Amino acid sequence: MFDSPYPPYDPLDKTGFSYDTVVKRWPVILTGIIDSVYGINHDISLRIQSETSDVVSDLEEKLAEGKSLIEKIGRLKYQMGRDHALEPIQNDGEALVDVYNAELARLAEGATNTWFTAPWLYAECYLYRLLRSYLSQTKHWRNFDPFLAQKQATFKASGSAIYQLATTMHELQDEKASLESDPDKLEVIFREMIQMCLWGNATDLSLLTHMTPEDIQHLQTVGKEAQQARKEFILKDDQEAVWKHIQTLKDGRVDFVLDNAGFELFTDFVFADFLVTYTPYVSRVVFHPKSIPWFVSDVTPPDFASTPSSLLSPTFFPSPSSTPSPSQAHLHQMVTRWQGYLTDGTFALSVPLDTPLGAPRDDLDFWTSPWPYWDLREHAPVLWENLKESGLVVFKGDLNYRKLTGDVKWPVDTPFQTAVGPLASSFPLLSLRTNKADVVVGVSQEVADALDARGEKWRVNGKYALVSFLPGSTDSRA
């Protein structure tokens, strides 16, 4: 196992983002779940009054389970706010119970097993696994995603940006012949695509607890002017090195370790579409989801499977006009192409599309473990061997970055290669991350000091980003 020379982030430091997370963000998330279950229970109560007796029994059972869930989550919120010890996860028949409880026991030996003393990364992963355990031990709620309504509402609010991107991809079709014969032009489009994919990560529902729909739409702006303006906010920019690497591929495979559902997943699809449709270097893309509802907005297999049909639905996005627009036709054409790619294997989910929530699978479980990605080879050797066959593994978003670097207090100018430990020599690796947590590496101390001097919360506000690339064992760059 790889051991970092630096300690993990924890909420004892009131100046860090982890403290705000435990004090403010997590209670808001738990309250949202309670409200969702309460609303469903209310609807069930109304149905019971009008249903026949053979249906009422199941509804009453689900209602009782819902009340129990509200009680458990309410108690969890109370314990969190008072820094109680983290409770062991009950054996629910799903993955990683022993892993989480073994680490919990180890933390207890050092008296760091409470909400404010446990390492932040472990505690946050534990929270979502514990919530899953509450649901998986029920009969009627085990397939319930408590964040689904939020994910879909935010997705539906992204219609204008989605239509804009669909039209952009449609216009590329007229340029396909010239792109194939002009690598420089192809690189320009590639840089636009990678920025689109990078800033799509700005929509992270676990962080958008106080933002208006207008704020969210602003974050999702994908026009050329917005991308040009944002380049100065990319504090580590390996786009050129990534492009040079991609040009070395022949019928290559690219893997996406996914982050958020909705608009960000849409941008991942668009980027993947560009790679396989408009470049001669990539012929297959594999997408890796999370097995359970995770960090509010992360992609699960059901999220992935439903995305094409949602995009093709004429009623999914609010429309200002009853007359279909050209951009709607462009979207339909593009998503129909994606469905063809899913059918012929050009696009693939790493697990079957009908994989239910919580299904234990060796090729999924590692992503919802508390382990840093340093330990991929040790804890998930089959997955590690599989990723070694990839021409490029793209890790999306803030949590994947935290896990790549172990979420420890690396000095800001630590080389990215150093921070990812043994993973640096495993496979070509690209991290696309907008900064929403304290850990940052690969940035000069001078730049960090200048941002600090301006009073910028540049590590956590989502305004700044990192494009960090390692081609493999020969990399020697920061």
Protein backbone atom coordinates (compact mmCIF):
# COMPACT_ATOMS: atom_id res chain seq x y z
CA MET A 1 0.00 0.00 0.00
CA PHE A 2 1.09 3.56 -0.75
CA ASP A 3 1.37 5.83 2.29
CA SER A 4 1.29 9.58 1.92
CA PRO A 5 3.78 11.66 3.92
CA TYR A 6 0.99 14.14 4.69
CA PRO A 7 -2.12 13.88 6.89
CA PRO A 8 -5.69 13.77 5.56
CA TYR A 9 -8.09 16.68 5.61
CA ASP A 10 -10.50 16.62 8.52
CA PRO A 11 -13.19 18.97 9.86
CA LEU A 12 -11.23 19.99 12.97
CA ASP A 13 -9.73 22.81 10.92
CA LYS A 14 -12.50 25.40 10.88
CA THR A 15 -10.80 27.31 8.05
CA GLY A 16 -11.06 24.32 5.70
CA PHE A 17 -13.89 23.31 3.41
CA SER A 18 -14.35 20.04 5.31
CA TYR A 19 -15.62 21.92 8.37
CA ASP A 20 -18.29 23.72 6.31
CA THR A 21 -19.23 20.38 4.77
CA VAL A 22 -20.01 18.71 8.10
CA VAL A 23 -21.64 21.78 9.63
CA LYS A 24 -23.68 22.99 6.65
CA ARG A 25 -23.67 20.87 3.49
CA TRP A 26 -24.35 17.41 4.89
CA PRO A 27 -27.26 18.52 7.12
CA VAL A 28 -28.85 20.24 4.10
CA ILE A 29 -28.48 17.06 2.04
CA LEU A 30 -30.00 14.91 4.82
CA THR A 31 -32.89 17.35 5.23
CA GLY A 32 -33.55 17.11 1.50
CA ILE A 33 -33.78 13.31 1.70
CA ILE A 34 -36.17 13.53 4.66
CA ASP A 35 -38.36 15.97 2.72
CA SER A 36 -38.39 13.68 -0.32
CA VAL A 37 -39.42 10.62 1.69
CA TYR A 38 -42.01 12.65 3.58
CA GLY A 39 -43.52 13.85 0.29
CA ILE A 40 -43.76 10.31 -1.06
CA ASN A 41 -45.29 9.13 2.21
CA HIS A 42 -47.88 11.87 1.96
CA ASP A 43 -48.85 10.68 -1.52
CA ILE A 44 -49.02 7.09 -0.26
CA SER A 45 -51.36 8.13 2.53
CA LEU A 46 -53.71 9.70 0.01
CA ARG A 47 -53.61 6.59 -2.18
CA ILE A 48 -54.44 4.32 0.75
CA GLN A 49 -57.74 6.13 1.14
CA SER A 50 -58.81 5.33 -2.42
CA GLU A 51 -57.23 1.93 -3.17
CA THR A 52 -58.79 -1.52 -2.92
CA SER A 53 -57.90 -3.73 0.02
CA ASP A 54 -55.47 -5.98 -1.90
CA VAL A 55 -53.26 -2.99 -2.67
CA VAL A 56 -53.56 -1.23 0.69
CA SER A 57 -51.40 -3.77 2.53
CA ASP A 58 -48.33 -3.09 0.39
CA LEU A 59 -48.89 0.65 0.56
CA GLU A 60 -49.18 0.56 4.34
CA GLU A 61 -45.98 -1.47 4.52
CA LYS A 62 -44.13 1.05 2.32
CA LEU A 63 -45.55 3.91 4.40
CA ALA A 64 -44.25 2.32 7.60
CA GLU A 65 -40.82 1.78 6.04
CA GLY A 66 -40.80 5.41 4.90
CA LYS A 67 -41.52 6.60 8.43
CA SER A 68 -38.68 4.44 9.71
CA LEU A 69 -36.31 5.94 7.12
CA ILE A 70 -37.28 9.46 8.20
CA GLU A 71 -36.59 8.51 11.81
CA LYS A 72 -33.18 6.99 11.00
CA ILE A 73 -32.02 9.90 8.86
CA GLY A 74 -33.29 12.42 11.40
CA ARG A 75 -31.33 10.63 14.11
CA LEU A 76 -28.25 10.58 11.87
CA LYS A 77 -28.51 14.35 11.36
CA TYR A 78 -28.78 14.85 15.14
CA GLN A 79 -25.72 12.66 15.79
CA MET A 80 -23.70 14.40 13.10
CA GLY A 81 -24.32 17.85 14.53
CA ARG A 82 -23.21 16.68 17.98
CA ASP A 83 -20.07 14.90 16.80
CA HIS A 84 -21.19 11.43 17.82
CA ALA A 85 -19.27 8.32 16.85
CA LEU A 86 -19.98 6.88 13.41
CA GLU A 87 -22.17 3.79 13.74
CA PRO A 88 -21.13 0.48 12.14
CA ILE A 89 -22.92 -0.28 8.87
CA GLN A 90 -25.28 -3.22 9.22
CA ASN A 91 -24.77 -6.24 7.00
CA ASP A 92 -27.24 -5.48 4.22
CA GLY A 93 -26.06 -8.05 1.68
CA GLU A 94 -24.37 -5.43 -0.49
CA ALA A 95 -20.71 -4.65 -1.03
CA LEU A 96 -18.02 -3.21 1.24
CA VAL A 97 -19.74 -3.47 4.63
CA ASP A 98 -16.69 -5.23 6.11
CA VAL A 99 -14.35 -2.69 4.49
CA TYR A 100 -16.11 0.31 5.97
CA ASN A 101 -16.52 -1.27 9.40
CA ALA A 102 -12.89 -2.42 9.56
CA GLU A 103 -11.71 1.12 8.89
CA LEU A 104 -14.23 2.42 11.43
CA ALA A 105 -12.78 0.08 14.06
CA ARG A 106 -9.25 1.24 13.21
CA LEU A 107 -10.27 4.88 13.58
CA ALA A 108 -11.93 4.11 16.92
CA GLU A 109 -8.60 2.83 18.25
CA GLY A 110 -7.16 6.28 17.64
CA ALA A 111 -10.28 8.11 18.86
CA THR A 112 -10.84 9.61 15.39
CA ASN A 113 -14.16 7.90 14.64
CA THR A 114 -16.57 10.82 15.11
CA TRP A 115 -18.09 13.11 12.51
CA PHE A 116 -15.61 15.91 13.20
CA THR A 117 -12.50 13.80 13.80
CA ALA A 118 -12.68 11.16 11.04
CA PRO A 119 -10.74 11.82 7.83
CA TRP A 120 -13.04 13.81 5.59
CA LEU A 121 -12.82 11.54 2.56
CA TYR A 122 -13.63 8.44 4.60
CA ALA A 123 -16.51 10.13 6.46
CA GLU A 124 -18.10 11.42 3.25
CA CYS A 125 -17.89 8.04 1.51
CA TYR A 126 -19.17 6.36 4.67
CA LEU A 127 -22.17 8.72 4.80
CA TYR A 128 -23.44 7.70 1.36
CA ARG A 129 -22.78 4.01 2.01
CA LEU A 130 -24.69 4.27 5.30
CA LEU A 131 -27.64 5.95 3.57
CA ARG A 132 -27.63 3.16 1.00
CA SER A 133 -27.71 0.61 3.82
CA TYR A 134 -30.82 2.22 5.29
CA LEU A 135 -32.57 1.85 1.92
CA SER A 136 -31.27 -1.58 0.95
CA GLN A 137 -32.65 -3.15 4.14
CA THR A 138 -36.21 -2.25 3.14
CA LYS A 139 -38.61 -4.11 0.90
CA HIS A 140 -40.20 -1.17 -0.91
CA TRP A 141 -37.44 1.47 -0.94
CA ARG A 142 -34.37 -0.52 -1.97
CA ASN A 143 -34.53 0.79 -5.56
CA PHE A 144 -35.24 4.35 -4.44
CA ASP A 145 -32.64 6.95 -5.43
CA PRO A 146 -33.17 9.81 -2.94
CA PHE A 147 -31.42 12.23 -5.29
CA LEU A 148 -33.15 11.28 -8.55
CA ALA A 149 -35.67 14.12 -8.51
CA GLN A 150 -32.87 16.67 -7.97
CA LYS A 151 -30.77 15.17 -10.74
CA GLN A 152 -33.62 15.22 -13.22
CA ALA A 153 -34.77 18.74 -12.30
CA THR A 154 -31.27 20.11 -12.87
CA PHE A 155 -30.97 18.12 -16.11
CA LYS A 156 -34.27 19.53 -17.38
CA ALA A 157 -33.06 23.06 -16.60
CA SER A 158 -30.08 22.48 -18.92
CA GLY A 159 -32.08 22.40 -22.14
CA SER A 160 -30.67 25.57 -23.73
CA ALA A 161 -27.05 24.48 -23.29
CA ILE A 162 -27.87 20.98 -24.52
CA TYR A 163 -29.56 22.25 -27.68
CA GLN A 164 -26.64 24.58 -28.33
CA LEU A 165 -24.16 21.70 -28.11
CA ALA A 166 -26.33 19.49 -30.30
CA THR A 167 -26.29 22.16 -33.01
CA THR A 168 -22.51 22.52 -32.65
CA MET A 169 -22.09 18.78 -33.17
CA HIS A 170 -24.44 18.92 -36.18
CA GLU A 171 -22.34 21.67 -37.74
CA LEU A 172 -19.22 19.53 -37.30
CA GLN A 173 -20.64 17.02 -39.76
CA ASP A 174 -20.04 19.47 -42.60
CA GLU A 175 -16.45 19.81 -41.40
CA LYS A 176 -15.71 16.11 -41.03
CA ALA A 177 -13.75 15.71 -44.26
CA SER A 178 -11.60 18.76 -43.59
CA LEU A 179 -11.03 17.70 -39.97
CA GLU A 180 -9.67 14.34 -41.06
CA SER A 181 -7.12 16.02 -43.32
CA ASP A 182 -6.20 18.88 -40.98
CA PRO A 183 -4.80 17.79 -37.57
CA ASP A 184 -4.37 21.42 -36.48
CA LYS A 185 -8.06 22.15 -37.02
CA LEU A 186 -8.93 18.92 -35.25
CA GLU A 187 -6.85 20.04 -32.27
CA VAL A 188 -8.77 23.33 -32.05
CA ILE A 189 -12.05 21.41 -31.86
CA PHE A 190 -10.52 18.98 -29.36
CA ARG A 191 -9.58 21.85 -27.04
CA GLU A 192 -13.15 23.18 -27.18
CA MET A 193 -14.46 19.71 -26.41
CA ILE A 194 -12.17 19.14 -23.46
CA GLN A 195 -13.11 22.52 -21.96
CA MET A 196 -16.78 21.74 -22.45
CA CYS A 197 -16.26 18.43 -20.68
CA LEU A 198 -14.24 20.13 -17.94
CA TRP A 199 -16.69 22.90 -17.14
CA GLY A 200 -19.70 20.61 -17.43
CA ASN A 201 -18.52 19.45 -14.03
CA ALA A 202 -19.57 22.83 -12.62
CA THR A 203 -23.03 21.35 -12.03
CA ASP A 204 -22.49 19.33 -8.85
CA LEU A 205 -25.73 19.03 -6.90
CA SER A 206 -24.02 18.28 -3.60
CA LEU A 207 -22.63 21.82 -3.75
CA LEU A 208 -25.55 23.71 -5.30
CA THR A 209 -27.57 24.01 -2.12
CA HIS A 210 -28.03 27.78 -2.36
CA MET A 211 -27.76 28.51 -6.09
CA THR A 212 -30.57 29.79 -8.27
CA PRO A 213 -31.48 28.23 -11.65
CA GLU A 214 -29.89 31.31 -13.26
CA ASP A 215 -26.62 30.62 -11.42
CA ILE A 216 -26.64 27.04 -12.65
CA GLN A 217 -27.33 28.06 -16.25
CA HIS A 218 -24.44 30.52 -16.06
CA LEU A 219 -22.11 27.72 -14.99
CA GLN A 220 -23.30 25.66 -17.94
CA THR A 221 -22.50 28.32 -20.57
CA VAL A 222 -20.60 26.52 -23.29
CA GLY A 223 -20.12 29.18 -25.98
CA LYS A 224 -16.68 29.97 -27.40
CA GLU A 225 -16.43 33.29 -25.56
CA ALA A 226 -17.09 31.63 -22.23
CA GLN A 227 -14.49 28.94 -22.92
CA GLN A 228 -11.90 31.52 -23.96
CA ALA A 229 -12.55 33.55 -20.83
CA ARG A 230 -12.23 30.48 -18.64
CA LYS A 231 -8.80 29.46 -19.93
CA GLU A 232 -7.12 31.80 -17.47
CA PHE A 233 -8.83 29.91 -14.67
CA ILE A 234 -7.24 26.57 -15.61
CA LEU A 235 -4.37 26.55 -13.14
CA LYS A 236 -2.79 23.38 -14.51
CA ASP A 237 -3.31 22.90 -18.22
CA ASP A 238 -2.07 19.71 -19.88
CA GLN A 239 -4.38 19.96 -22.90
CA GLU A 240 -1.52 20.00 -25.39
CA ALA A 241 0.09 16.90 -23.87
CA VAL A 242 -3.26 15.07 -23.87
CA TRP A 243 -3.79 15.82 -27.56
CA LYS A 244 -0.29 14.63 -28.47
CA HIS A 245 -0.98 11.40 -26.60
CA ILE A 246 -4.35 10.83 -28.29
CA GLN A 247 -2.67 11.23 -31.67
CA THR A 248 -0.52 8.18 -30.85
CA LEU A 249 -3.59 5.96 -30.51
CA LYS A 250 -4.83 3.67 -33.25
CA ASP A 251 -8.35 2.27 -32.83
CA GLY A 252 -7.86 3.23 -29.21
CA ARG A 253 -10.17 2.76 -26.27
CA VAL A 254 -10.95 5.63 -23.91
CA ASP A 255 -12.53 5.11 -20.47
CA PHE A 256 -14.53 7.70 -18.54
CA VAL A 257 -14.73 7.30 -14.76
CA LEU A 258 -17.94 9.27 -14.48
CA ASP A 259 -18.91 12.01 -12.09
CA ASN A 260 -22.29 13.78 -12.27
CA ALA A 261 -25.48 12.70 -14.02
CA GLY A 262 -27.52 15.08 -16.14
CA PHE A 263 -25.74 17.86 -17.99
CA GLU A 264 -22.23 16.68 -17.14
CA LEU A 265 -22.97 13.15 -18.36
CA PHE A 266 -24.37 14.73 -21.52
CA THR A 267 -21.05 16.55 -22.07
CA ASP A 268 -19.21 13.27 -21.50
CA PHE A 269 -21.33 11.70 -24.24
CA VAL A 270 -20.59 14.64 -26.54
CA PHE A 271 -16.83 14.38 -25.91
CA ALA A 272 -16.96 10.63 -26.49
CA ASP A 273 -18.97 11.19 -29.68
CA PHE A 274 -16.35 13.62 -30.95
CA LEU A 275 -13.53 11.15 -30.26
CA VAL A 276 -15.10 8.20 -32.08
CA THR A 277 -16.94 10.07 -34.85
CA TYR A 278 -14.54 12.84 -35.82
CA THR A 279 -11.04 11.61 -34.95
CA PRO A 280 -9.17 8.64 -36.46
CA TYR A 281 -7.62 7.74 -33.11
CA VAL A 282 -10.43 6.35 -30.93
CA SER A 283 -12.87 3.58 -31.82
CA ARG A 284 -14.45 2.70 -28.44
CA VAL A 285 -15.46 4.45 -25.22
CA VAL A 286 -16.30 2.71 -21.93
CA PHE A 287 -18.18 4.54 -19.16
CA HIS A 288 -17.78 3.63 -15.47
CA PRO A 289 -20.71 4.58 -13.16
CA LYS A 290 -21.24 4.28 -9.40
CA SER A 291 -23.20 1.33 -8.02
CA ILE A 292 -25.29 3.33 -5.52
CA PRO A 293 -26.62 6.89 -5.13
CA TRP A 294 -23.34 8.65 -4.43
CA PHE A 295 -22.39 12.22 -3.51
CA VAL A 296 -25.90 13.33 -4.56
CA SER A 297 -25.43 13.62 -8.31
CA ASP A 298 -23.04 10.87 -9.43
CA VAL A 299 -24.07 8.64 -12.33
CA THR A 300 -25.61 5.27 -11.48
CA PRO A 301 -26.44 2.56 -14.06
CA PRO A 302 -30.13 3.60 -14.08
CA ASP A 303 -29.09 7.25 -14.65
CA PHE A 304 -26.92 6.25 -17.58
CA ALA A 305 -29.53 3.95 -19.12
CA SER A 306 -32.27 6.59 -18.95
CA THR A 307 -30.24 9.48 -20.38
CA PRO A 308 -30.73 8.77 -24.13
CA SER A 309 -34.49 8.23 -23.77
CA SER A 310 -34.80 11.43 -21.72
CA LEU A 311 -32.93 13.39 -24.37
CA LEU A 312 -35.17 11.97 -27.09
CA SER A 313 -38.41 12.68 -25.22
CA PRO A 314 -40.27 15.65 -26.75
CA THR A 315 -41.55 16.65 -23.32
CA PHE A 316 -38.41 16.26 -21.16
CA PHE A 317 -37.12 19.81 -21.67
CA PRO A 318 -39.47 22.77 -21.25
CA SER A 319 -40.04 24.25 -24.70
CA PRO A 320 -40.97 27.88 -25.36
CA SER A 321 -42.68 26.87 -28.59
CA SER A 322 -44.86 24.00 -29.75
CA THR A 323 -43.04 24.02 -33.09
CA PRO A 324 -39.89 21.82 -33.08
CA SER A 325 -36.74 23.86 -33.62
CA PRO A 326 -33.72 22.86 -35.74
CA SER A 327 -31.72 22.33 -32.56
CA GLN A 328 -34.28 19.76 -31.37
CA ALA A 329 -33.80 17.89 -34.64
CA HIS A 330 -30.04 18.11 -34.20
CA LEU A 331 -30.33 16.66 -30.70
CA HIS A 332 -32.53 13.82 -31.93
CA GLN A 333 -30.06 12.99 -34.69
CA MET A 334 -27.09 13.00 -32.32
CA VAL A 335 -28.68 10.92 -29.56
CA THR A 336 -29.96 8.42 -32.12
CA ARG A 337 -26.33 8.03 -33.21
CA TRP A 338 -25.38 7.40 -29.57
CA GLN A 339 -28.03 4.70 -29.28
CA GLY A 340 -26.50 3.03 -32.31
CA TYR A 341 -23.09 3.22 -30.67
CA LEU A 342 -24.49 1.63 -27.51
CA THR A 343 -25.98 -1.16 -29.62
CA ASP A 344 -22.84 -1.94 -31.62
CA GLY A 345 -20.40 -1.57 -28.71
CA THR A 346 -18.72 1.67 -29.78
CA PHE A 347 -20.09 3.07 -26.51
CA ALA A 348 -20.39 0.74 -23.54
CA LEU A 349 -21.25 0.93 -19.88
CA SER A 350 -18.76 -1.05 -17.81
CA VAL A 351 -21.67 -3.14 -16.47
CA PRO A 352 -24.96 -4.24 -18.07
CA LEU A 353 -27.35 -1.34 -18.65
CA ASP A 354 -30.02 -3.00 -16.49
CA THR A 355 -27.73 -3.32 -13.44
CA PRO A 356 -29.87 -2.40 -10.39
CA LEU A 357 -28.75 -0.12 -7.59
CA GLY A 358 -26.50 -1.84 -5.07
CA ALA A 359 -25.75 -4.95 -7.11
CA PRO A 360 -22.38 -6.23 -5.82
CA ARG A 361 -19.95 -6.33 -8.73
CA ASP A 362 -16.15 -6.46 -8.73
CA ASP A 363 -16.04 -3.97 -11.62
CA LEU A 364 -18.15 -1.41 -9.72
CA ASP A 365 -17.49 -1.79 -6.02
CA PHE A 366 -14.10 -0.07 -5.91
CA TRP A 367 -15.57 3.27 -7.03
CA THR A 368 -17.78 3.47 -3.92
CA SER A 369 -15.15 2.24 -1.48
CA PRO A 370 -13.37 4.55 1.00
CA TRP A 371 -10.01 3.73 -0.55
CA PRO A 372 -7.90 6.27 -2.44
CA TYR A 373 -7.18 5.29 -6.02
CA TRP A 374 -3.57 4.69 -4.97
CA ASP A 375 -4.78 1.24 -3.91
CA LEU A 376 -6.56 0.28 -7.14
CA ARG A 377 -4.13 -2.51 -8.03
CA GLU A 378 -4.24 -4.02 -4.55
CA HIS A 379 -7.98 -3.84 -3.90
CA ALA A 380 -9.41 -4.20 -7.41
CA PRO A 381 -6.83 -6.12 -9.48
CA VAL A 382 -9.33 -7.18 -12.17
CA LEU A 383 -10.45 -3.57 -12.69
CA TRP A 384 -6.82 -2.43 -12.71
CA GLU A 385 -5.89 -4.97 -15.37
CA ASN A 386 -8.90 -3.89 -17.42
CA LEU A 387 -7.96 -0.21 -17.27
CA LYS A 388 -4.40 -1.05 -18.29
CA GLU A 389 -5.85 -1.97 -21.70
CA SER A 390 -7.22 1.56 -22.15
CA GLY A 391 -5.54 4.18 -24.32
CA LEU A 392 -6.67 6.88 -21.87
CA VAL A 393 -8.62 6.83 -18.61
CA VAL A 394 -10.46 10.10 -17.96
CA PHE A 395 -11.33 10.78 -14.31
CA LYS A 396 -14.13 13.33 -14.11
CA GLY A 397 -14.77 15.77 -11.33
CA ASP A 398 -13.77 16.76 -7.84
CA LEU A 399 -14.32 13.53 -5.90
CA ASN A 400 -12.33 11.48 -8.39
CA TYR A 401 -9.52 14.03 -8.04
CA ARG A 402 -9.67 13.79 -4.25
CA LYS A 403 -9.42 10.01 -4.51
CA LEU A 404 -6.60 10.18 -7.06
CA THR A 405 -4.56 12.32 -4.67
CA GLY A 406 -5.76 10.67 -1.45
CA ASP A 407 -7.34 13.91 -0.19
CA VAL A 408 -4.29 14.65 1.94
CA LYS A 409 -2.54 17.95 2.63
CA TRP A 410 -0.06 17.85 -0.23
CA PRO A 411 1.91 21.08 -0.77
CA VAL A 412 0.30 22.83 -3.74
CA ASP A 413 3.44 22.49 -5.90
CA THR A 414 3.62 18.71 -5.44
CA PRO A 415 3.89 17.08 -8.88
CA PHE A 416 0.64 15.39 -9.91
CA GLN A 417 2.69 12.26 -10.63
CA THR A 418 3.82 12.15 -7.00
CA ALA A 419 0.33 12.72 -5.61
CA VAL A 420 -1.28 9.81 -7.52
CA GLY A 421 1.36 7.40 -6.20
CA PRO A 422 1.64 4.02 -7.93
CA LEU A 423 -1.27 4.83 -10.24
CA ALA A 424 1.10 7.07 -12.23
CA SER A 425 2.74 4.04 -13.83
CA SER A 426 -0.44 2.07 -14.46
CA PHE A 427 -2.12 3.61 -17.53
CA PRO A 428 -2.51 6.94 -19.35
CA LEU A 429 -4.51 9.13 -17.00
CA LEU A 430 -6.38 12.41 -17.42
CA SER A 431 -8.12 14.23 -14.59
CA LEU A 432 -10.65 16.94 -15.47
CA ARG A 433 -11.54 18.75 -12.29
CA THR A 434 -13.11 22.04 -11.24
CA ASN A 435 -11.84 22.89 -7.77
CA LYS A 436 -14.41 22.21 -5.04
CA ALA A 437 -12.25 20.84 -2.24
CA ASP A 438 -9.01 21.84 -0.55
CA VAL A 439 -6.55 19.40 -2.11
CA VAL A 440 -4.69 20.84 -5.12
CA VAL A 441 -1.38 19.73 -6.66
CA GLY A 442 0.65 20.60 -9.75
CA VAL A 443 0.23 24.37 -9.27
CA SER A 444 3.16 26.70 -8.63
CA GLN A 445 3.49 28.13 -5.15
CA GLU A 446 3.72 31.61 -6.70
CA VAL A 447 0.31 31.26 -8.36
CA ALA A 448 -1.24 29.86 -5.18
CA ASP A 449 0.19 32.68 -3.07
CA ALA A 450 -1.14 35.31 -5.49
CA LEU A 451 -4.64 33.81 -5.37
CA ASP A 452 -4.51 33.59 -1.58
CA ALA A 453 -3.37 37.20 -1.36
CA ARG A 454 -6.46 38.27 -3.33
CA GLY A 455 -8.65 36.44 -0.84
CA GLU A 456 -9.91 34.02 -3.47
CA LYS A 457 -11.41 30.74 -2.27
CA TRP A 458 -9.84 29.25 -5.37
CA ARG A 459 -9.52 25.75 -3.95
CA VAL A 460 -13.24 25.28 -3.36
CA ASN A 461 -15.41 27.77 -5.27
CA GLY A 462 -15.59 25.90 -8.60
CA LYS A 463 -14.22 28.95 -10.43
CA TYR A 464 -10.80 27.38 -11.08
CA ALA A 465 -9.90 24.10 -12.70
CA LEU A 466 -7.13 21.60 -13.35
CA VAL A 467 -6.42 19.55 -16.47
CA SER A 468 -3.88 17.02 -15.21
CA PHE A 469 -2.39 14.34 -17.46
CA LEU A 470 0.06 11.47 -17.08
CA PRO A 471 0.83 9.32 -20.12
CA GLY A 472 2.16 6.44 -18.01
CA SER A 473 5.39 5.24 -16.46
CA THR A 474 7.61 7.60 -18.47
CA ASP A 475 5.95 10.83 -17.28
CA SER A 476 8.24 13.26 -15.47
CA ARG A 477 6.26 16.48 -15.51
CA ALA A 478 4.56 18.23 -12.62
